[in-house]
Amino acid sequence: MAIPFHDPGCWAWSDALHRQHLSLCWALECDIDPMILRARQLRRQGALPQASCVEEELLPLF
């Protein structure tokens, strides 16, 4: 189900609808580093220690 971003009533969406919209937006992001996507996925799954480890790998070296 496509949700128009310009919907004037989007502020009144349920949490589930907001999550669905965000998931649809993430699916469209093709230029995001796969490691960032993996960290987000781990956080959504509740695997916080693993997500933190992946995020640490993404920190700049300088």
PDB file of N, CA and C in Angstrom:
ATOM      1  N   MET A   1       0.843  -1.176   0.000  1.00  0.00           N
ATOM      2  CA  MET A   1       0.000   0.000   0.000  1.00  0.00           C
ATOM      3  C   MET A   1       0.885   1.236   0.000  1.00  0.00           C
ATOM      4  N   ALA A   2       0.790   2.051  -1.001  1.00  0.00           N
ATOM      5  CA  ALA A   2       1.571   3.284  -1.069  1.00  0.00           C
ATOM      6  C   ALA A   2       0.885   4.364  -0.243  1.00  0.00           C
ATOM      7  N   ILE A   3       1.681   5.065   0.538  1.00  0.00           N
ATOM      8  CA  ILE A   3       1.161   6.129   1.383  1.00  0.00           C
ATOM      9  C   ILE A   3       1.739   7.442   0.887  1.00  0.00           C
ATOM     10  N   PRO A   4       0.908   8.367   0.437  1.00  0.00           N
ATOM     11  CA  PRO A   4       1.451   9.632  -0.047  1.00  0.00           C
ATOM     12  C   PRO A   4       2.060  10.437   1.093  1.00  0.00           C
ATOM     13  N   PHE A   5       3.289  10.893   0.892  1.00  0.00           N
ATOM     14  CA  PHE A   5       3.987  11.644   1.935  1.00  0.00           C
ATOM     15  C   PHE A   5       3.297  12.966   2.229  1.00  0.00           C
ATOM     16  N   HIS A   6       2.678  13.565   1.217  1.00  0.00           N
ATOM     17  CA  HIS A   6       2.061  14.872   1.381  1.00  0.00           C
ATOM     18  C   HIS A   6       0.692  14.801   2.046  1.00  0.00           C
ATOM     19  N   ASP A   7       0.285  13.643   2.503  1.00  0.00           N
ATOM     20  CA  ASP A   7      -1.016  13.478   3.144  1.00  0.00           C
ATOM     21  C   ASP A   7      -1.121  14.433   4.325  1.00  0.00           C
ATOM     22  N   PRO A   8      -2.080  15.371   4.314  1.00  0.00           N
ATOM     23  CA  PRO A   8      -2.175  16.350   5.396  1.00  0.00           C
ATOM     24  C   PRO A   8      -2.549  15.729   6.736  1.00  0.00           C
ATOM     25  N   GLY A   9      -3.068  14.514   6.722  1.00  0.00           N
ATOM     26  CA  GLY A   9      -3.451  13.878   7.974  1.00  0.00           C
ATOM     27  C   GLY A   9      -2.398  12.934   8.525  1.00  0.00           C
ATOM     28  N   CYS A  10      -1.182  12.967   7.969  1.00  0.00           N
ATOM     29  CA  CYS A  10      -0.166  12.003   8.394  1.00  0.00           C
ATOM     30  C   CYS A  10       0.206  12.174   9.863  1.00  0.00           C
ATOM     31  N   TRP A  11      -0.003  13.344  10.415  1.00  0.00           N
ATOM     32  CA  TRP A  11       0.304  13.553  11.838  1.00  0.00           C
ATOM     33  C   TRP A  11      -0.616  12.710  12.713  1.00  0.00           C
ATOM     34  N   ALA A  12      -1.744  12.296  12.177  1.00  0.00           N
ATOM     35  CA  ALA A  12      -2.713  11.528  12.956  1.00  0.00           C
ATOM     36  C   ALA A  12      -2.608  10.025  12.707  1.00  0.00           C
ATOM     37  N   TRP A  13      -1.608   9.595  11.944  1.00  0.00           N
ATOM     38  CA  TRP A  13      -1.460   8.176  11.673  1.00  0.00           C
ATOM     39  C   TRP A  13      -1.174   7.413  12.955  1.00  0.00           C
ATOM     40  N   SER A  14      -1.561   6.148  12.957  1.00  0.00           N
ATOM     41  CA  SER A  14      -1.227   5.273  14.082  1.00  0.00           C
ATOM     42  C   SER A  14       0.269   4.948  14.028  1.00  0.00           C
ATOM     43  N   ASP A  15       0.794   4.458  15.139  1.00  0.00           N
ATOM     44  CA  ASP A  15       2.208   4.066  15.171  1.00  0.00           C
ATOM     45  C   ASP A  15       2.501   2.993  14.122  1.00  0.00           C
ATOM     46  N   ALA A  16       1.566   2.068  13.966  1.00  0.00           N
ATOM     47  CA  ALA A  16       1.765   0.990  12.991  1.00  0.00           C
ATOM     48  C   ALA A  16       1.851   1.555  11.571  1.00  0.00           C
ATOM     49  N   LEU A  17       1.028   2.543  11.265  1.00  0.00           N
ATOM     50  CA  LEU A  17       1.056   3.139   9.931  1.00  0.00           C
ATOM     51  C   LEU A  17       2.346   3.926   9.714  1.00  0.00           C
ATOM     52  N   HIS A  18       2.819   4.614  10.760  1.00  0.00           N
ATOM     53  CA  HIS A  18       4.105   5.319  10.660  1.00  0.00           C
ATOM     54  C   HIS A  18       5.241   4.331  10.396  1.00  0.00           C
ATOM     55  N   ARG A  19       5.238   3.199  11.115  1.00  0.00           N
ATOM     56  CA  ARG A  19       6.277   2.182  10.914  1.00  0.00           C
ATOM     57  C   ARG A  19       6.217   1.616   9.499  1.00  0.00           C
ATOM     58  N   GLN A  20       4.997   1.379   9.011  1.00  0.00           N
ATOM     59  CA  GLN A  20       4.840   0.847   7.656  1.00  0.00           C
ATOM     60  C   GLN A  20       5.372   1.852   6.636  1.00  0.00           C
ATOM     61  N   HIS A  21       5.057   3.107   6.825  1.00  0.00           N
ATOM     62  CA  HIS A  21       5.527   4.150   5.908  1.00  0.00           C
ATOM     63  C   HIS A  21       7.050   4.230   5.932  1.00  0.00           C
ATOM     64  N   LEU A  22       7.628   4.167   7.118  1.00  0.00           N
ATOM     65  CA  LEU A  22       9.081   4.214   7.244  1.00  0.00           C
ATOM     66  C   LEU A  22       9.723   3.010   6.555  1.00  0.00           C
ATOM     67  N   SER A  23       9.134   1.842   6.724  1.00  0.00           N
ATOM     68  CA  SER A  23       9.662   0.644   6.062  1.00  0.00           C
ATOM     69  C   SER A  23       9.615   0.790   4.548  1.00  0.00           C
ATOM     70  N   LEU A  24       8.530   1.365   4.044  1.00  0.00           N
ATOM     71  CA  LEU A  24       8.427   1.590   2.599  1.00  0.00           C
ATOM     72  C   LEU A  24       9.493   2.573   2.130  1.00  0.00           C
ATOM     73  N   CYS A  25       9.733   3.612   2.916  1.00  0.00           N
ATOM     74  CA  CYS A  25      10.769   4.586   2.561  1.00  0.00           C
ATOM     75  C   CYS A  25      12.141   3.925   2.574  1.00  0.00           C
ATOM     76  N   TRP A  26      12.421   3.115   3.591  1.00  0.00           N
ATOM     77  CA  TRP A  26      13.725   2.449   3.678  1.00  0.00           C
ATOM     78  C   TRP A  26      13.935   1.524   2.485  1.00  0.00           C
ATOM     79  N   ALA A  27      12.862   0.894   2.047  1.00  0.00           N
ATOM     80  CA  ALA A  27      12.987  -0.006   0.898  1.00  0.00           C
ATOM     81  C   ALA A  27      13.403   0.756  -0.359  1.00  0.00           C
ATOM     82  N   LEU A  28      13.084   2.033  -0.420  1.00  0.00           N
ATOM     83  CA  LEU A  28      13.438   2.848  -1.582  1.00  0.00           C
ATOM     84  C   LEU A  28      14.863   3.380  -1.513  1.00  0.00           C
ATOM     85  N   GLU A  29      15.467   3.334  -0.341  1.00  0.00           N
ATOM     86  CA  GLU A  29      16.826   3.851  -0.164  1.00  0.00           C
ATOM     87  C   GLU A  29      17.820   2.823  -0.672  1.00  0.00           C
ATOM     88  N   CYS A  30      18.324   3.020  -1.862  1.00  0.00           N
ATOM     89  CA  CYS A  30      19.254   2.052  -2.429  1.00  0.00           C
ATOM     90  C   CYS A  30      20.707   2.476  -2.251  1.00  0.00           C
ATOM     91  N   ASP A  31      20.942   3.714  -1.822  1.00  0.00           N
ATOM     92  CA  ASP A  31      22.317   4.180  -1.692  1.00  0.00           C
ATOM     93  C   ASP A  31      22.820   4.138  -0.249  1.00  0.00           C
ATOM     94  N   ILE A  32      22.036   3.600   0.652  1.00  0.00           N
ATOM     95  CA  ILE A  32      22.468   3.493   2.042  1.00  0.00           C
ATOM     96  C   ILE A  32      23.403   2.295   2.167  1.00  0.00           C
ATOM     97  N   ASP A  33      24.460   2.492   2.893  1.00  0.00           N
ATOM     98  CA  ASP A  33      25.436   1.433   3.119  1.00  0.00           C
ATOM     99  C   ASP A  33      24.735   0.208   3.722  1.00  0.00           C
ATOM    100  N   PRO A  34      25.013  -0.983   3.218  1.00  0.00           N
ATOM    101  CA  PRO A  34      24.391  -2.198   3.759  1.00  0.00           C
ATOM    102  C   PRO A  34      24.655  -2.391   5.253  1.00  0.00           C
ATOM    103  N   MET A  35      25.789  -1.899   5.730  1.00  0.00           N
ATOM    104  CA  MET A  35      26.081  -2.027   7.168  1.00  0.00           C
ATOM    105  C   MET A  35      25.111  -1.175   7.993  1.00  0.00           C
ATOM    106  N   ILE A  36      24.752   0.000   7.493  1.00  0.00           N
ATOM    107  CA  ILE A  36      23.792   0.854   8.190  1.00  0.00           C
ATOM    108  C   ILE A  36      22.432   0.171   8.212  1.00  0.00           C
ATOM    109  N   LEU A  37      22.040  -0.398   7.085  1.00  0.00           N
ATOM    110  CA  LEU A  37      20.768  -1.119   7.029  1.00  0.00           C
ATOM    111  C   LEU A  37      20.769  -2.305   7.984  1.00  0.00           C
ATOM    112  N   ARG A  38      21.900  -2.995   8.070  1.00  0.00           N
ATOM    113  CA  ARG A  38      22.002  -4.144   8.984  1.00  0.00           C
ATOM    114  C   ARG A  38      21.883  -3.686  10.433  1.00  0.00           C
ATOM    115  N   ALA A  39      22.526  -2.588  10.776  1.00  0.00           N
ATOM    116  CA  ALA A  39      22.437  -2.066  12.142  1.00  0.00           C
ATOM    117  C   ALA A  39      20.991  -1.703  12.475  1.00  0.00           C
ATOM    118  N   ARG A  40      20.302  -1.075  11.544  1.00  0.00           N
ATOM    119  CA  ARG A  40      18.890  -0.722  11.762  1.00  0.00           C
ATOM    120  C   ARG A  40      18.047  -1.971  11.957  1.00  0.00           C
ATOM    121  N   GLN A  41      18.304  -2.983  11.135  1.00  0.00           N
ATOM    122  CA  GLN A  41      17.544  -4.229  11.233  1.00  0.00           C
ATOM    123  C   GLN A  41      17.769  -4.891  12.592  1.00  0.00           C
ATOM    124  N   LEU A  42      19.011  -4.930  13.030  1.00  0.00           N
ATOM    125  CA  LEU A  42      19.321  -5.533  14.326  1.00  0.00           C
ATOM    126  C   LEU A  42      18.635  -4.777  15.455  1.00  0.00           C
ATOM    127  N   ARG A  43      18.629  -3.461  15.391  1.00  0.00           N
ATOM    128  CA  ARG A  43      17.946  -2.665  16.418  1.00  0.00           C
ATOM    129  C   ARG A  43      16.452  -2.971  16.432  1.00  0.00           C
ATOM    130  N   ARG A  44      15.841  -3.052  15.251  1.00  0.00           N
ATOM    131  CA  ARG A  44      14.404  -3.356  15.175  1.00  0.00           C
ATOM    132  C   ARG A  44      14.109  -4.735  15.753  1.00  0.00           C
ATOM    133  N   GLN A  45      15.056  -5.659  15.618  1.00  0.00           N
ATOM    134  CA  GLN A  45      14.865  -7.017  16.125  1.00  0.00           C
ATOM    135  C   GLN A  45      15.198  -7.120  17.609  1.00  0.00           C
ATOM    136  N   GLY A  46      15.700  -6.025  18.191  1.00  0.00           N
ATOM    137  CA  GLY A  46      16.025  -6.030  19.610  1.00  0.00           C
ATOM    138  C   GLY A  46      17.410  -6.557  19.924  1.00  0.00           C
ATOM    139  N   ALA A  47      18.232  -6.759  18.914  1.00  0.00           N
ATOM    140  CA  ALA A  47      19.601  -7.256  19.106  1.00  0.00           C
ATOM    141  C   ALA A  47      20.534  -6.059  19.294  1.00  0.00           C
ATOM    142  N   LEU A  48      20.380  -5.387  20.431  1.00  0.00           N
ATOM    143  CA  LEU A  48      21.106  -4.135  20.660  1.00  0.00           C
ATOM    144  C   LEU A  48      22.621  -4.298  20.741  1.00  0.00           C
ATOM    145  N   PRO A  49      23.151  -5.319  21.428  1.00  0.00           N
ATOM    146  CA  PRO A  49      24.617  -5.452  21.453  1.00  0.00           C
ATOM    147  C   PRO A  49      25.209  -5.668  20.058  1.00  0.00           C
ATOM    148  N   GLN A  50      24.544  -6.495  19.255  1.00  0.00           N
ATOM    149  CA  GLN A  50      25.033  -6.742  17.900  1.00  0.00           C
ATOM    150  C   GLN A  50      24.930  -5.476  17.048  1.00  0.00           C
ATOM    151  N   ALA A  51      23.847  -4.728  17.212  1.00  0.00           N
ATOM    152  CA  ALA A  51      23.681  -3.478  16.466  1.00  0.00           C
ATOM    153  C   ALA A  51      24.778  -2.493  16.842  1.00  0.00           C
ATOM    154  N   SER A  52      25.114  -2.425  18.123  1.00  0.00           N
ATOM    155  CA  SER A  52      26.180  -1.523  18.571  1.00  0.00           C
ATOM    156  C   SER A  52      27.519  -1.910  17.960  1.00  0.00           C
ATOM    157  N   CYS A  53      27.778  -3.202  17.850  1.00  0.00           N
ATOM    158  CA  CYS A  53      29.035  -3.657  17.242  1.00  0.00           C
ATOM    159  C   CYS A  53      29.107  -3.252  15.772  1.00  0.00           C
ATOM    160  N   VAL A  54      28.015  -3.423  15.056  1.00  0.00           N
ATOM    161  CA  VAL A  54      27.993  -3.036  13.645  1.00  0.00           C
ATOM    162  C   VAL A  54      28.177  -1.526  13.519  1.00  0.00           C
ATOM    163  N   GLU A  55      27.505  -0.771  14.388  1.00  0.00           N
ATOM    164  CA  GLU A  55      27.623   0.692  14.349  1.00  0.00           C
ATOM    165  C   GLU A  55      29.048   1.136  14.642  1.00  0.00           C
ATOM    166  N   GLU A  56      29.720   0.420  15.538  1.00  0.00           N
ATOM    167  CA  GLU A  56      31.112   0.751  15.852  1.00  0.00           C
ATOM    168  C   GLU A  56      31.997   0.613  14.617  1.00  0.00           C
ATOM    169  N   GLU A  57      31.705  -0.385  13.799  1.00  0.00           N
ATOM    170  CA  GLU A  57      32.470  -0.588  12.567  1.00  0.00           C
ATOM    171  C   GLU A  57      32.275   0.565  11.583  1.00  0.00           C
ATOM    172  N   LEU A  58      31.181   1.294  11.738  1.00  0.00           N
ATOM    173  CA  LEU A  58      30.873   2.393  10.823  1.00  0.00           C
ATOM    174  C   LEU A  58      31.486   3.724  11.251  1.00  0.00           C
ATOM    175  N   LEU A  59      32.042   3.777  12.454  1.00  0.00           N
ATOM    176  CA  LEU A  59      32.629   5.031  12.937  1.00  0.00           C
ATOM    177  C   LEU A  59      33.844   5.407  12.096  1.00  0.00           C
ATOM    178  N   PRO A  60      34.031   6.704  11.870  1.00  0.00           N
ATOM    179  CA  PRO A  60      35.206   7.131  11.094  1.00  0.00           C
ATOM    180  C   PRO A  60      36.500   6.792  11.824  1.00  0.00           C
ATOM    181  N   LEU A  61      37.532   6.537  11.066  1.00  0.00           N
ATOM    182  CA  LEU A  61      38.828   6.191  11.652  1.00  0.00           C
ATOM    183  C   LEU A  61      39.622   7.424  12.048  1.00  0.00           C
ATOM    184  N   PHE A  62      39.268   8.570  11.560  1.00  0.00           N
ATOM    185  CA  PHE A  62      40.038   9.782  11.831  1.00  0.00           C
ATOM    186  C   PHE A  62      39.327  10.613  12.853  1.00  0.00           C
TER     187      PHE A  62
END
